[in-house]
């Protein structure tokens, strides 16, 4: 039977044949004979898993994800391409969740590609658990290795769906009927954590099972477990849409995941024709010899480094550099008097004179050979510090922050005290400075769980209109000045400006 709600697999043809198509495809019942014929060999199944994994990482590092950074006020723009100006503008604009919107792919891409990845994982489970296929490579039975990777892939797919969208589907590999009910972001993240735990069990029982599905990454079973923990920490901390929701999170478990996560960046090396970090290439791109940015650093970051700096750009003149002792202002950012492509007729108040350069590497000229920093150790340390803060352990939070990049890279002194206000401010500062452009959605997730987004900012994406139309469900949206009293839209109660 066919799944009638047509959950999209935009990369499905690529996964099976190596030929990419963006056409919407019907998804076969994974118990069908057609599926068995299509995936009759270990090579077929492993190729599908590799393709699904690459689809996920391409989506979760895509340049389309930088719109979330614009809404979180860590970058800015007056460029109408990809709705960059629309997501940076003030007062905030409403998401145009429509099938006729020119920039609808901003909302669709991650939804579609995460489900592509989930379906690829489900095909692995169906081939092994239903068909009894053994995934043998070079006379070695790697079935457990690939099952663990499939669980891990489902965890990442469901996790990012819950991290970015308000709803989604849970799709079981052995379901007879298609899913018809959208579940909440909390359910999606819980499903992600469940799949990470299943992956960890297999890795723990099979210490020789490595993870080597993208680029030059080759993680041992122990390292794969740590990466599962890192994603679990990110998604669980990012579940909250408001400060009130953040107070009710299981911070004890979040702390444990962050403590048992990676201690070095997960940073495979990009190969432009296969996979590179779009967030880095676009957020660091310079458009002229004066080093003006295509997507300049937002004034929130400047103001955090220098509290005398204005939160809105003045009507005349050019702002000078910030006054700060933080050495990262020199190593991670560059000041320029040039305003580049920023347009006076498109809201001068959101201008900026700073370019982010930390992850620029060779992206000015090539997408090849660049460390991708997909998940950073600094993110895990800051999640741990935030967990300690939320659990009332100010001494522990201070110890983590004082031992971190604020001091080791920034050259700043240790925190003056361990008061809640001092700790809270330091965590905010480090999320915007140290974690700048360190992952799609990280800044938005932090800002929303502290109610720091401007009134009218969207807290999450809605289910894409194309999916809602297919499933004959009402189309809805989020965001827009004056809509702060609606669920899914920031009320501005603790807005940074």
Protein backbone atom coordinates (compact mmCIF):
# COMPACT_ATOMS: atom_id res chain seq x y z
CA UNK A 1 0.00 0.00 0.00
CA UNK A 2 1.05 3.62 -0.46
CA UNK A 3 1.33 6.15 2.34
CA UNK A 4 -1.33 8.63 1.34
CA UNK A 5 -0.15 11.66 3.25
CA UNK A 6 2.96 11.82 1.08
CA UNK A 7 5.51 12.65 3.72
CA UNK A 8 8.19 13.91 1.42
CA UNK A 9 11.44 12.15 0.63
CA UNK A 10 13.08 14.86 -1.44
CA UNK A 11 16.38 12.96 -1.55
CA UNK A 12 14.92 9.49 -1.99
CA UNK A 13 15.87 8.98 -5.62
CA UNK A 14 19.39 10.11 -4.80
CA UNK A 15 19.60 7.62 -1.97
CA UNK A 16 18.65 4.67 -4.14
CA UNK A 17 20.15 5.54 -7.51
CA UNK A 18 22.60 8.40 -7.06
CA UNK A 19 20.30 10.69 -9.08
CA UNK A 20 18.83 13.62 -7.18
CA UNK A 21 15.30 14.86 -7.71
CA UNK A 22 13.21 17.31 -5.71
CA UNK A 23 9.98 15.78 -6.91
CA UNK A 24 7.52 14.77 -4.22
CA UNK A 25 7.37 11.02 -3.98
CA UNK A 26 4.92 8.60 -2.47
CA UNK A 27 6.51 6.49 0.24
CA UNK A 28 6.12 2.77 -0.11
CA UNK A 29 4.95 0.62 2.77
CA UNK A 30 8.20 -0.73 4.16
CA UNK A 31 6.68 -4.21 4.43
CA UNK A 32 5.89 -4.38 0.72
CA UNK A 33 7.45 -6.71 -1.84
CA UNK A 34 8.52 -3.70 -3.90
CA UNK A 35 10.70 -2.52 -1.04
CA UNK A 36 12.30 -5.96 -0.70
CA UNK A 37 13.14 -5.99 -4.41
CA UNK A 38 14.60 -2.47 -4.28
CA UNK A 39 16.79 -3.30 -1.27
CA UNK A 40 17.79 -6.87 -1.91
CA UNK A 41 21.50 -6.65 -1.16
CA UNK A 42 23.61 -5.37 1.75
CA UNK A 43 25.15 -2.85 -0.64
CA UNK A 44 21.72 -1.37 -1.37
CA UNK A 45 20.86 -0.97 2.29
CA UNK A 46 24.24 0.43 3.31
CA UNK A 47 24.17 2.86 0.38
CA UNK A 48 20.75 4.05 1.49
CA UNK A 49 21.99 4.56 5.05
CA UNK A 50 25.01 6.50 3.82
CA UNK A 51 22.80 8.65 1.63
CA UNK A 52 20.31 9.32 4.41
CA UNK A 53 23.09 10.31 6.79
CA UNK A 54 24.58 12.71 4.26
CA UNK A 55 21.12 14.15 3.58
CA UNK A 56 20.70 14.89 7.28
CA UNK A 57 24.07 16.58 7.68
CA UNK A 58 23.62 18.61 4.50
CA UNK A 59 20.31 19.88 5.84
CA UNK A 60 21.50 20.54 9.38
CA UNK A 61 24.42 22.64 8.11
CA UNK A 62 22.55 24.27 5.20
CA UNK A 63 22.79 27.94 4.30
CA UNK A 64 18.99 27.95 4.50
CA UNK A 65 19.31 27.48 8.25
CA UNK A 66 20.91 30.88 8.78
CA UNK A 67 17.44 32.44 8.80
CA UNK A 68 17.15 31.08 12.33
CA UNK A 69 20.32 33.04 13.20
CA UNK A 70 18.74 36.20 11.80
CA UNK A 71 15.68 35.76 13.98
CA UNK A 72 17.92 35.14 17.00
CA UNK A 73 19.80 38.41 16.35
CA UNK A 74 23.32 37.05 15.93
CA UNK A 75 23.54 38.13 12.26
CA UNK A 76 21.68 40.76 10.27
CA UNK A 77 20.84 41.61 6.66
CA UNK A 78 18.89 43.88 4.35
CA UNK A 79 19.31 41.45 1.46
CA UNK A 80 15.94 40.17 0.23
CA UNK A 81 17.45 36.90 -1.05
CA UNK A 82 16.15 33.84 0.82
CA UNK A 83 14.05 36.19 2.97
CA UNK A 84 17.17 37.25 4.88
CA UNK A 85 15.93 40.82 5.25
CA UNK A 86 12.49 39.52 6.17
CA UNK A 87 13.87 37.51 9.11
CA UNK A 88 16.24 40.28 10.26
CA UNK A 89 13.79 43.15 9.97
CA UNK A 90 12.23 45.03 12.88
CA UNK A 91 9.40 45.08 13.83
CA UNK A 92 9.25 41.36 13.26
CA UNK A 93 7.43 39.92 10.27
CA UNK A 94 5.13 36.91 10.18
CA UNK A 95 6.26 33.69 8.46
CA UNK A 96 4.53 33.43 5.10
CA UNK A 97 3.73 29.73 5.38
CA UNK A 98 2.29 29.33 1.90
CA UNK A 99 2.88 27.04 -1.07
CA UNK A 100 3.13 30.14 -3.27
CA UNK A 101 5.79 31.91 -1.18
CA UNK A 102 9.00 32.38 -3.14
CA UNK A 103 11.07 31.41 -0.09
CA UNK A 104 8.94 28.49 1.09
CA UNK A 105 12.01 26.24 1.02
CA UNK A 106 13.23 28.04 4.16
CA UNK A 107 10.48 26.24 6.05
CA UNK A 108 10.35 23.06 3.98
CA UNK A 109 13.97 21.98 3.57
CA UNK A 110 14.75 20.68 7.07
CA UNK A 111 11.32 19.12 7.52
CA UNK A 112 11.64 17.18 4.28
CA UNK A 113 15.26 16.16 4.69
CA UNK A 114 14.88 15.02 8.30
CA UNK A 115 12.05 12.73 7.22
CA UNK A 116 14.21 11.57 4.32
CA UNK A 117 16.85 10.56 6.84
CA UNK A 118 14.28 8.87 9.12
CA UNK A 119 12.90 6.85 6.21
CA UNK A 120 16.39 5.79 5.17
CA UNK A 121 16.92 4.48 8.71
CA UNK A 122 13.56 2.73 8.63
CA UNK A 123 14.51 0.91 5.44
CA UNK A 124 17.54 -0.47 7.28
CA UNK A 125 15.36 -1.73 10.11
CA UNK A 126 12.90 -3.28 7.66
CA UNK A 127 15.65 -5.00 5.69
CA UNK A 128 17.28 -6.45 8.81
CA UNK A 129 14.34 -7.06 11.14
CA UNK A 130 11.69 -8.03 8.59
CA UNK A 131 13.71 -9.54 5.74
CA UNK A 132 16.46 -10.99 7.90
CA UNK A 133 19.15 -9.45 5.70
CA UNK A 134 22.68 -9.58 7.10
CA UNK A 135 24.74 -6.51 6.26
CA UNK A 136 27.99 -8.18 5.33
CA UNK A 137 30.92 -6.21 3.91
CA UNK A 138 34.16 -7.89 2.81
CA UNK A 139 33.11 -11.07 4.62
CA UNK A 140 32.53 -9.15 7.87
CA UNK A 141 29.04 -9.03 9.38
CA UNK A 142 28.48 -5.32 10.10
CA UNK A 143 24.77 -5.63 10.80
CA UNK A 144 25.03 -4.26 14.34
CA UNK A 145 27.22 -1.37 13.23
CA UNK A 146 24.65 -0.23 10.67
CA UNK A 147 21.69 -0.78 12.99
CA UNK A 148 23.36 1.47 15.56
CA UNK A 149 23.96 4.11 12.89
CA UNK A 150 20.32 3.85 11.77
CA UNK A 151 19.12 4.47 15.33
CA UNK A 152 21.51 7.37 15.60
CA UNK A 153 20.23 8.81 12.31
CA UNK A 154 16.63 8.59 13.49
CA UNK A 155 17.64 10.33 16.69
CA UNK A 156 19.22 13.19 14.79
CA UNK A 157 16.27 13.46 12.40
CA UNK A 158 13.59 13.48 15.08
CA UNK A 159 15.73 15.71 17.26
CA UNK A 160 16.08 18.46 14.69
CA UNK A 161 12.39 18.25 13.83
CA UNK A 162 11.53 18.86 17.49
CA UNK A 163 14.26 21.49 17.81
CA UNK A 164 12.98 23.62 14.91
CA UNK A 165 9.30 22.72 14.25
CA UNK A 166 6.27 22.72 16.51
CA UNK A 167 5.00 19.36 15.22
CA UNK A 168 5.91 16.36 13.14
CA UNK A 169 5.19 12.69 12.54
CA UNK A 170 6.63 9.63 14.21
CA UNK A 171 7.07 6.98 11.52
CA UNK A 172 7.64 3.36 12.56
CA UNK A 173 9.44 1.05 10.16
CA UNK A 174 6.85 -1.74 10.57
CA UNK A 175 3.71 0.39 10.53
CA UNK A 176 0.90 -1.05 8.40
CA UNK A 177 -0.89 2.27 8.17
CA UNK A 178 0.74 5.66 7.61
CA UNK A 179 0.95 8.17 10.47
CA UNK A 180 -1.95 10.59 10.40
CA UNK A 181 -1.45 12.48 13.65
CA UNK A 182 1.10 15.24 14.11
CA UNK A 183 2.80 15.05 17.49
CA UNK A 184 4.38 17.86 19.52
CA UNK A 185 8.00 18.95 19.56
CA UNK A 186 8.32 17.41 23.02
CA UNK A 187 7.24 14.03 21.65
CA UNK A 188 9.67 14.33 18.75
CA UNK A 189 12.58 15.09 21.06
CA UNK A 190 11.61 12.24 23.38
CA UNK A 191 11.62 9.94 20.34
CA UNK A 192 15.04 11.27 19.40
CA UNK A 193 16.44 10.51 22.84
CA UNK A 194 14.93 7.02 22.73
CA UNK A 195 16.71 6.31 19.46
CA UNK A 196 20.01 7.65 20.76
CA UNK A 197 19.71 5.32 23.73
CA UNK A 198 19.05 2.36 21.42
CA UNK A 199 22.12 3.28 19.37
CA UNK A 200 24.23 3.55 22.52
CA UNK A 201 23.18 0.07 23.66
CA UNK A 202 24.40 -1.44 20.39
CA UNK A 203 27.65 0.53 20.43
CA UNK A 204 28.30 -0.50 24.04
CA UNK A 205 27.73 -4.17 23.17
CA UNK A 206 29.83 -3.94 19.99
CA UNK A 207 32.98 -1.97 20.79
CA UNK A 208 34.44 -2.62 17.35
CA UNK A 209 31.47 -0.95 15.62
CA UNK A 210 32.66 2.35 14.18
CA UNK A 211 30.69 5.24 12.65
CA UNK A 212 32.09 6.37 9.28
CA UNK A 213 29.21 7.68 7.18
CA UNK A 214 30.28 11.20 6.19
CA UNK A 215 33.48 12.58 4.72
CA UNK A 216 36.60 11.70 6.73
CA UNK A 217 34.72 11.07 9.99
CA UNK A 218 35.54 7.72 11.58
CA UNK A 219 34.30 7.49 15.16
CA UNK A 220 34.97 4.58 17.47
CA UNK A 221 31.98 3.09 19.27
CA UNK A 222 32.94 5.11 22.36
CA UNK A 223 33.13 8.31 20.32
CA UNK A 224 29.79 7.56 18.65
CA UNK A 225 28.19 7.20 22.09
CA UNK A 226 29.59 10.60 23.05
CA UNK A 227 28.17 12.15 19.89
CA UNK A 228 24.76 10.64 20.68
CA UNK A 229 24.98 12.22 24.12
CA UNK A 230 25.94 15.57 22.61
CA UNK A 231 22.92 15.64 20.32
CA UNK A 232 20.67 14.49 23.16
CA UNK A 233 21.95 17.37 25.33
CA UNK A 234 21.43 19.89 22.52
CA UNK A 235 17.90 18.76 21.73
CA UNK A 236 16.74 18.34 25.33
CA UNK A 237 18.02 21.79 26.34
CA UNK A 238 16.51 23.21 23.15
CA UNK A 239 13.07 21.73 23.74
CA UNK A 240 11.84 24.72 25.75
CA UNK A 241 10.15 27.48 23.78
CA UNK A 242 9.87 29.84 26.76
CA UNK A 243 11.58 30.56 30.06
CA UNK A 244 8.66 28.93 31.87
CA UNK A 245 9.10 25.74 29.85
CA UNK A 246 12.85 25.80 30.47
CA UNK A 247 12.25 25.78 34.23
CA UNK A 248 10.43 22.45 33.90
CA UNK A 249 13.06 20.65 31.81
CA UNK A 250 14.90 17.66 33.22
CA UNK A 251 18.16 19.52 33.77
CA UNK A 252 19.67 16.66 35.77
CA UNK A 253 19.49 14.40 32.72
CA UNK A 254 20.59 17.21 30.42
CA UNK A 255 23.62 17.77 32.63
CA UNK A 256 24.47 14.07 32.51
CA UNK A 257 24.29 13.99 28.72
CA UNK A 258 26.50 17.09 28.43
CA UNK A 259 29.04 15.64 30.88
CA UNK A 260 29.24 12.39 28.90
CA UNK A 261 29.35 14.09 25.50
CA UNK A 262 32.21 14.95 23.17
CA UNK A 263 35.24 16.75 24.59
CA UNK A 264 36.58 17.68 21.15
CA UNK A 265 34.65 19.23 18.28
CA UNK A 266 32.91 16.85 15.90
CA UNK A 267 34.51 18.39 12.85
CA UNK A 268 34.89 16.36 9.66
CA UNK A 269 36.62 18.09 6.75
CA UNK A 270 34.39 19.47 4.00
CA UNK A 271 34.39 18.27 0.41
CA UNK A 272 32.46 20.84 -1.59
CA UNK A 273 30.89 18.44 -4.05
CA UNK A 274 29.63 16.26 -1.20
CA UNK A 275 29.18 18.19 2.05
CA UNK A 276 30.27 21.55 3.46
CA UNK A 277 29.02 23.88 6.18
CA UNK A 278 26.63 26.39 4.65
CA UNK A 279 26.18 28.26 7.92
CA UNK A 280 29.91 28.91 8.05
CA UNK A 281 30.35 29.79 4.39
CA UNK A 282 27.47 32.30 4.39
CA UNK A 283 27.92 33.78 7.88
CA UNK A 284 31.62 34.47 7.21
CA UNK A 285 31.47 35.58 3.57
CA UNK A 286 33.09 38.94 2.80
CA UNK A 287 31.73 40.89 -0.15
CA UNK A 288 34.45 43.49 -0.74
CA UNK A 289 38.09 44.32 -0.06
CA UNK A 290 37.05 46.27 3.04
CA UNK A 291 35.82 42.96 4.57
CA UNK A 292 32.15 43.90 4.82
CA UNK A 293 29.98 40.84 5.43
CA UNK A 294 27.24 39.35 3.33
CA UNK A 295 25.50 38.62 6.65
CA UNK A 296 26.98 41.04 9.22
CA UNK A 297 27.16 40.31 12.94
CA UNK A 298 24.07 41.60 14.74
CA UNK A 299 24.35 44.48 17.22
CA UNK A 300 23.28 42.16 20.04
CA UNK A 301 26.74 40.56 19.89
CA UNK A 302 28.44 43.97 19.79
CA UNK A 303 26.36 45.24 22.72
CA UNK A 304 27.14 42.18 24.82
CA UNK A 305 30.86 42.86 24.33
CA UNK A 306 30.43 46.57 25.03
CA UNK A 307 27.34 47.65 26.98
CA UNK A 308 27.84 51.28 25.88
CA UNK A 309 27.34 50.21 22.27
CA UNK A 310 23.91 51.05 20.84
CA UNK A 311 21.32 48.31 20.38
CA UNK A 312 20.04 50.00 17.21
CA UNK A 313 22.15 51.57 14.51
CA UNK A 314 22.06 55.41 14.49
CA UNK A 315 20.23 57.33 11.77
CA UNK A 316 23.46 59.01 10.63
CA UNK A 317 27.15 58.29 10.72
CA UNK A 318 29.14 55.07 11.08
CA UNK A 319 29.66 53.24 14.36
CA UNK A 320 33.19 52.57 15.52
CA UNK A 321 34.54 49.33 16.97
CA UNK A 322 33.42 47.99 20.33
CA UNK A 323 35.46 48.66 23.45
CA UNK A 324 36.26 45.27 24.97
CA UNK A 325 39.07 43.29 26.54
CA UNK A 326 37.75 40.10 24.93
CA UNK A 327 40.47 38.96 22.52
CA UNK A 328 37.84 37.11 20.46
CA UNK A 329 36.77 40.50 19.12
CA UNK A 330 40.05 40.37 17.17
CA UNK A 331 40.28 36.64 16.42
CA UNK A 332 36.65 35.76 15.66
CA UNK A 333 35.33 39.06 14.28
CA UNK A 334 36.62 41.90 12.16
CA UNK A 335 35.48 45.54 12.22
CA UNK A 336 35.02 47.49 9.00
CA UNK A 337 33.79 51.01 8.29
CA UNK A 338 32.19 49.69 5.13
CA UNK A 339 28.46 49.00 5.24
CA UNK A 340 28.76 46.75 2.21
CA UNK A 341 25.40 45.86 0.71
CA UNK A 342 23.30 47.12 3.62
CA UNK A 343 20.59 49.36 2.16
CA UNK A 344 19.45 52.64 3.70
CA UNK A 345 15.92 52.12 2.37
CA UNK A 346 15.60 48.80 4.20
CA UNK A 347 15.83 49.76 7.86
CA UNK A 348 19.15 51.37 8.77
CA UNK A 349 18.55 50.55 12.45
CA UNK A 350 19.61 46.91 11.85
CA UNK A 351 22.96 47.77 10.25
CA UNK A 352 26.30 46.56 11.64
CA UNK A 353 30.02 47.03 10.97
CA UNK A 354 31.23 43.61 12.06
CA UNK A 355 32.01 40.45 10.11
CA UNK A 356 32.28 37.02 11.72
CA UNK A 357 35.47 35.27 10.58
CA UNK A 358 36.22 32.49 13.07
CA UNK A 359 35.03 29.67 10.78
CA UNK A 360 35.91 31.37 7.52
CA UNK A 361 38.84 29.08 6.65
CA UNK A 362 38.94 28.82 2.84
CA UNK A 363 35.25 29.44 2.23
CA UNK A 364 36.01 32.71 0.41
CA UNK A 365 37.37 30.65 -2.46
CA UNK A 366 36.42 26.99 -1.99
CA UNK A 367 34.07 24.70 -0.08
CA UNK A 368 36.82 22.06 0.08
CA UNK A 369 39.12 21.32 2.99
CA UNK A 370 37.35 23.26 5.73
CA UNK A 371 36.83 21.89 9.27
CA UNK A 372 33.04 21.77 9.73
CA UNK A 373 32.65 22.05 13.55
CA UNK A 374 29.20 20.43 13.40
CA UNK A 375 28.99 19.96 17.18
CA UNK A 376 31.44 21.74 19.47
CA UNK A 377 32.81 20.84 22.87
CA UNK A 378 32.18 24.44 23.96
CA UNK A 379 28.45 23.96 23.37
CA UNK A 380 28.45 20.95 25.68
CA UNK A 381 30.31 22.89 28.39
CA UNK A 382 27.83 25.75 28.19
CA UNK A 383 24.85 23.39 28.35
CA UNK A 384 26.43 21.82 31.43
CA UNK A 385 26.96 25.26 32.99
CA UNK A 386 23.37 26.22 32.23
CA UNK A 387 22.15 22.96 33.74
CA UNK A 388 24.11 23.67 36.92
CA UNK A 389 22.60 27.16 37.01
CA UNK A 390 19.08 25.79 36.56
CA UNK A 391 19.75 23.25 39.34
CA UNK A 392 20.93 26.01 41.69
CA UNK A 393 24.61 25.01 41.62
CA UNK A 394 26.22 28.41 41.04
CA UNK A 395 29.70 27.35 42.20
CA UNK A 396 29.76 24.50 39.67
CA UNK A 397 28.48 26.76 36.88
CA UNK A 398 31.15 29.36 37.65
CA UNK A 399 33.90 26.71 37.65
CA UNK A 400 32.85 25.53 34.16
CA UNK A 401 32.70 29.06 32.75
CA UNK A 402 36.00 30.13 34.31
CA UNK A 403 37.73 27.09 32.81
CA UNK A 404 36.26 27.71 29.37
CA UNK A 405 36.95 29.83 26.28
CA UNK A 406 35.85 33.05 28.01
CA UNK A 407 39.21 32.89 29.81
CA UNK A 408 41.31 30.57 27.64
CA UNK A 409 40.47 32.20 24.29
CA UNK A 410 39.00 35.54 25.29
CA UNK A 411 41.60 36.43 27.90
CA UNK A 412 38.89 37.74 30.20
CA UNK A 413 39.25 37.43 33.98
CA UNK A 414 37.37 34.77 35.89
CA UNK A 415 33.88 35.79 36.92
CA UNK A 416 33.83 38.28 39.78
CA UNK A 417 31.32 36.27 41.80
CA UNK A 418 28.92 33.35 41.62
CA UNK A 419 25.67 35.28 41.91
CA UNK A 420 22.82 34.04 39.72
CA UNK A 421 22.84 37.33 37.80
CA UNK A 422 26.56 37.04 37.03
CA UNK A 423 26.28 33.40 35.95
CA UNK A 424 23.20 34.01 33.83
CA UNK A 425 24.82 36.94 32.04
CA UNK A 426 28.01 34.98 31.37
CA UNK A 427 26.08 32.06 29.88
CA UNK A 428 24.20 34.47 27.60
CA UNK A 429 27.44 36.17 26.55
CA UNK A 430 29.20 32.91 25.74
CA UNK A 431 26.23 31.57 23.77
CA UNK A 432 26.30 34.63 21.51
CA UNK A 433 30.10 35.06 21.26
CA UNK A 434 31.77 31.67 21.68
CA UNK A 435 28.94 29.69 20.06
CA UNK A 436 28.38 32.18 17.24
CA UNK A 437 27.53 30.17 14.11
CA UNK A 438 28.28 26.87 15.88
CA UNK A 439 25.18 25.08 14.67
CA UNK A 440 21.81 25.63 13.02
CA UNK A 441 19.22 26.78 15.56
CA UNK A 442 21.54 26.95 18.60
CA UNK A 443 21.19 30.71 19.06
CA UNK A 444 17.43 30.67 18.53
CA UNK A 445 16.98 27.80 20.99
CA UNK A 446 18.98 29.64 23.65
CA UNK A 447 17.24 32.99 23.12
CA UNK A 448 13.73 31.56 23.20
CA UNK A 449 14.23 29.56 26.40
CA UNK A 450 15.27 32.77 28.14
CA UNK A 451 12.46 34.86 26.56
CA UNK A 452 15.14 37.12 25.05
CA UNK A 453 13.76 37.24 21.52
CA UNK A 454 12.16 40.43 20.33
CA UNK A 455 8.37 40.57 20.48
CA UNK A 456 6.91 39.00 17.39
CA UNK A 457 9.89 36.72 16.70
CA UNK A 458 8.87 33.20 15.77
CA UNK A 459 9.86 30.57 18.32
CA UNK A 460 9.75 27.72 15.81
CA UNK A 461 8.71 26.87 12.28
CA UNK A 462 5.22 25.57 11.52
CA UNK A 463 4.66 22.37 9.60
CA UNK A 464 5.21 23.46 5.96
CA UNK A 465 2.10 24.50 4.07
CA UNK A 466 2.87 21.97 1.34
CA UNK A 467 2.60 19.15 3.88
CA UNK A 468 -0.55 20.57 5.45
CA UNK A 469 -2.22 20.94 2.04
CA UNK A 470 -1.44 17.35 1.10
CA UNK A 471 -2.85 16.07 4.37
CA UNK A 472 -5.84 18.46 4.17
CA UNK A 473 -5.00 20.12 7.48
CA UNK A 474 -5.40 23.85 8.19
CA UNK A 475 -2.41 26.00 7.32
CA UNK A 476 -1.08 28.06 10.21
CA UNK A 477 1.98 30.13 10.99
CA UNK A 478 3.95 32.00 13.66
CA UNK A 479 5.65 35.32 14.25
CA UNK A 480 4.90 38.93 13.49
CA UNK A 481 4.79 42.10 15.58
CA UNK A 482 1.53 42.24 17.50
CA UNK A 483 1.19 38.45 17.65
CA UNK A 484 3.20 37.99 20.83
CA UNK A 485 0.15 36.69 22.68
CA UNK A 486 -0.04 33.68 20.36
CA UNK A 487 1.61 30.34 21.04
CA UNK A 488 4.74 29.92 18.95
CA UNK A 489 5.52 33.65 18.88
CA UNK A 490 7.78 35.53 21.31
CA UNK A 491 5.99 37.85 23.71
CA UNK A 492 9.10 40.00 24.25
CA UNK A 493 8.76 39.77 28.03
CA UNK A 494 12.54 39.57 28.56
CA UNK A 495 13.65 40.79 25.13
CA UNK A 496 17.26 41.87 24.78
CA UNK A 497 16.12 45.12 23.08
